[in-house]
Amino acid sequence: MARVTVEDCLKYVENRFALVHLTAHRVRQVIDGSKLRVECDNKEIVTVLREIGRGLVLPKKVSAIDEDEANLKIDIPDIK
């Protein structure tokens, strides 16, 4: 089986940062018992990268920000 490359995965994922998060999330799913979408003898992380590189696992797009989330304010108390 051919090597999986970051460039293969970036065809389906916006950037490397998003790729790391997508990969980590999918690996956790696989470890928790989710069915693999490709067959290979590699460890979970390589198998997941193969899934992403083939377009079988895609990131979820966020289409709109909830108004409450957009106006989120955090109160930080003054430290004296």
C-alpha atoms as a PDB file:
ATOM      1  CA  MET A   1       0.000   0.000   0.000  1.00  0.00           C
ATOM      2  CA  ALA A   2       1.353   3.439  -0.906  1.00  0.00           C
ATOM      3  CA  ARG A   3       2.414   5.923   1.725  1.00  0.00           C
ATOM      4  CA  VAL A   4      -0.100   8.431   3.007  1.00  0.00           C
ATOM      5  CA  THR A   5       1.144  12.035   2.936  1.00  0.00           C
ATOM      6  CA  VAL A   6       0.019  15.260   4.533  1.00  0.00           C
ATOM      7  CA  GLU A   7      -0.588  16.643   1.052  1.00  0.00           C
ATOM      8  CA  ASP A   8      -3.059  13.822   0.391  1.00  0.00           C
ATOM      9  CA  CYS A   9      -4.992  14.824   3.502  1.00  0.00           C
ATOM     10  CA  LEU A  10      -4.847  18.573   2.841  1.00  0.00           C
ATOM     11  CA  LYS A  11      -6.982  18.055  -0.265  1.00  0.00           C
ATOM     12  CA  TYR A  12      -9.891  17.485   2.129  1.00  0.00           C
ATOM     13  CA  VAL A  13      -8.873  19.542   5.190  1.00  0.00           C
ATOM     14  CA  GLU A  14      -8.366  23.304   5.320  1.00  0.00           C
ATOM     15  CA  ASN A  15      -4.925  23.388   6.982  1.00  0.00           C
ATOM     16  CA  ARG A  16      -2.459  21.357   9.053  1.00  0.00           C
ATOM     17  CA  PHE A  17      -3.905  22.577  12.346  1.00  0.00           C
ATOM     18  CA  ALA A  18      -7.367  21.349  11.339  1.00  0.00           C
ATOM     19  CA  LEU A  19      -5.815  18.079  10.151  1.00  0.00           C
ATOM     20  CA  VAL A  20      -4.273  17.450  13.573  1.00  0.00           C
ATOM     21  CA  HIS A  21      -7.603  18.068  15.319  1.00  0.00           C
ATOM     22  CA  LEU A  22      -9.587  15.944  12.877  1.00  0.00           C
ATOM     23  CA  THR A  23      -7.069  13.114  13.142  1.00  0.00           C
ATOM     24  CA  ALA A  24      -7.018  13.190  16.946  1.00  0.00           C
ATOM     25  CA  HIS A  25     -10.820  13.194  17.110  1.00  0.00           C
ATOM     26  CA  ARG A  26     -11.123  10.267  14.689  1.00  0.00           C
ATOM     27  CA  VAL A  27      -8.394   8.257  16.467  1.00  0.00           C
ATOM     28  CA  ARG A  28     -10.328   8.615  19.728  1.00  0.00           C
ATOM     29  CA  GLN A  29     -13.438   7.326  17.937  1.00  0.00           C
ATOM     30  CA  VAL A  30     -11.527   4.319  16.589  1.00  0.00           C
ATOM     31  CA  ILE A  31     -10.034   3.520  20.002  1.00  0.00           C
ATOM     32  CA  ASP A  32     -13.546   3.693  21.487  1.00  0.00           C
ATOM     33  CA  GLY A  33     -14.738   1.071  18.989  1.00  0.00           C
ATOM     34  CA  SER A  34     -15.789   2.944  15.840  1.00  0.00           C
ATOM     35  CA  LYS A  35     -15.546   0.860  12.662  1.00  0.00           C
ATOM     36  CA  LEU A  36     -12.528   1.539  10.421  1.00  0.00           C
ATOM     37  CA  ARG A  37     -13.274   2.695   6.871  1.00  0.00           C
ATOM     38  CA  VAL A  38     -10.093   1.262   5.321  1.00  0.00           C
ATOM     39  CA  GLU A  39      -8.348  -2.033   5.945  1.00  0.00           C
ATOM     40  CA  CYS A  40      -4.637  -2.003   6.744  1.00  0.00           C
ATOM     41  CA  ASP A  41      -2.242  -3.378   9.322  1.00  0.00           C
ATOM     42  CA  ASN A  42      -1.053   0.024  10.559  1.00  0.00           C
ATOM     43  CA  LYS A  43      -1.642   1.628  13.926  1.00  0.00           C
ATOM     44  CA  GLU A  44      -4.783   3.680  14.454  1.00  0.00           C
ATOM     45  CA  ILE A  45      -3.247   7.059  13.616  1.00  0.00           C
ATOM     46  CA  VAL A  46      -1.877   5.927  10.235  1.00  0.00           C
ATOM     47  CA  THR A  47      -5.152   4.180   9.430  1.00  0.00           C
ATOM     48  CA  VAL A  48      -7.085   7.367  10.216  1.00  0.00           C
ATOM     49  CA  LEU A  49      -4.727   9.429   8.042  1.00  0.00           C
ATOM     50  CA  ARG A  50      -5.388   6.946   5.226  1.00  0.00           C
ATOM     51  CA  GLU A  51      -9.139   7.473   5.741  1.00  0.00           C
ATOM     52  CA  ILE A  52      -8.719  11.249   5.584  1.00  0.00           C
ATOM     53  CA  GLY A  53      -6.389  11.047   2.568  1.00  0.00           C
ATOM     54  CA  ARG A  54      -9.040   9.099   0.659  1.00  0.00           C
ATOM     55  CA  GLY A  55     -11.798  11.545   1.574  1.00  0.00           C
ATOM     56  CA  LEU A  56     -13.644   9.062   3.776  1.00  0.00           C
ATOM     57  CA  VAL A  57     -13.440  11.287   6.877  1.00  0.00           C
ATOM     58  CA  LEU A  58     -14.200  14.978   6.460  1.00  0.00           C
ATOM     59  CA  PRO A  59     -14.285  17.882   8.924  1.00  0.00           C
ATOM     60  CA  LYS A  60     -17.624  19.294   9.989  1.00  0.00           C
ATOM     61  CA  LYS A  61     -18.150  22.821   8.663  1.00  0.00           C
ATOM     62  CA  VAL A  62     -19.424  25.507  11.026  1.00  0.00           C
ATOM     63  CA  SER A  63     -21.897  27.594   9.065  1.00  0.00           C
ATOM     64  CA  ALA A  64     -23.087  30.176  11.564  1.00  0.00           C
ATOM     65  CA  ILE A  65     -22.142  31.467  14.983  1.00  0.00           C
ATOM     66  CA  ASP A  66     -24.849  31.529  17.596  1.00  0.00           C
ATOM     67  CA  GLU A  67     -25.525  35.110  18.698  1.00  0.00           C
ATOM     68  CA  ASP A  68     -24.959  34.203  22.355  1.00  0.00           C
ATOM     69  CA  GLU A  69     -21.563  32.696  21.508  1.00  0.00           C
ATOM     70  CA  ALA A  70     -20.574  35.741  19.446  1.00  0.00           C
ATOM     71  CA  ASN A  71     -21.239  38.052  22.404  1.00  0.00           C
ATOM     72  CA  LEU A  72     -19.638  35.867  25.033  1.00  0.00           C
ATOM     73  CA  LYS A  73     -17.986  37.879  27.788  1.00  0.00           C
ATOM     74  CA  ILE A  74     -15.739  36.510  30.459  1.00  0.00           C
ATOM     75  CA  ASP A  75     -15.509  38.294  33.785  1.00  0.00           C
ATOM     76  CA  ILE A  76     -11.991  38.299  35.161  1.00  0.00           C
ATOM     77  CA  PRO A  77     -11.737  39.615  38.710  1.00  0.00           C
ATOM     78  CA  ASP A  78      -9.057  42.149  39.560  1.00  0.00           C
ATOM     79  CA  ILE A  79      -6.149  40.686  41.492  1.00  0.00           C
ATOM     80  CA  LYS A  80      -4.780  42.917  44.205  1.00  0.00           C
END
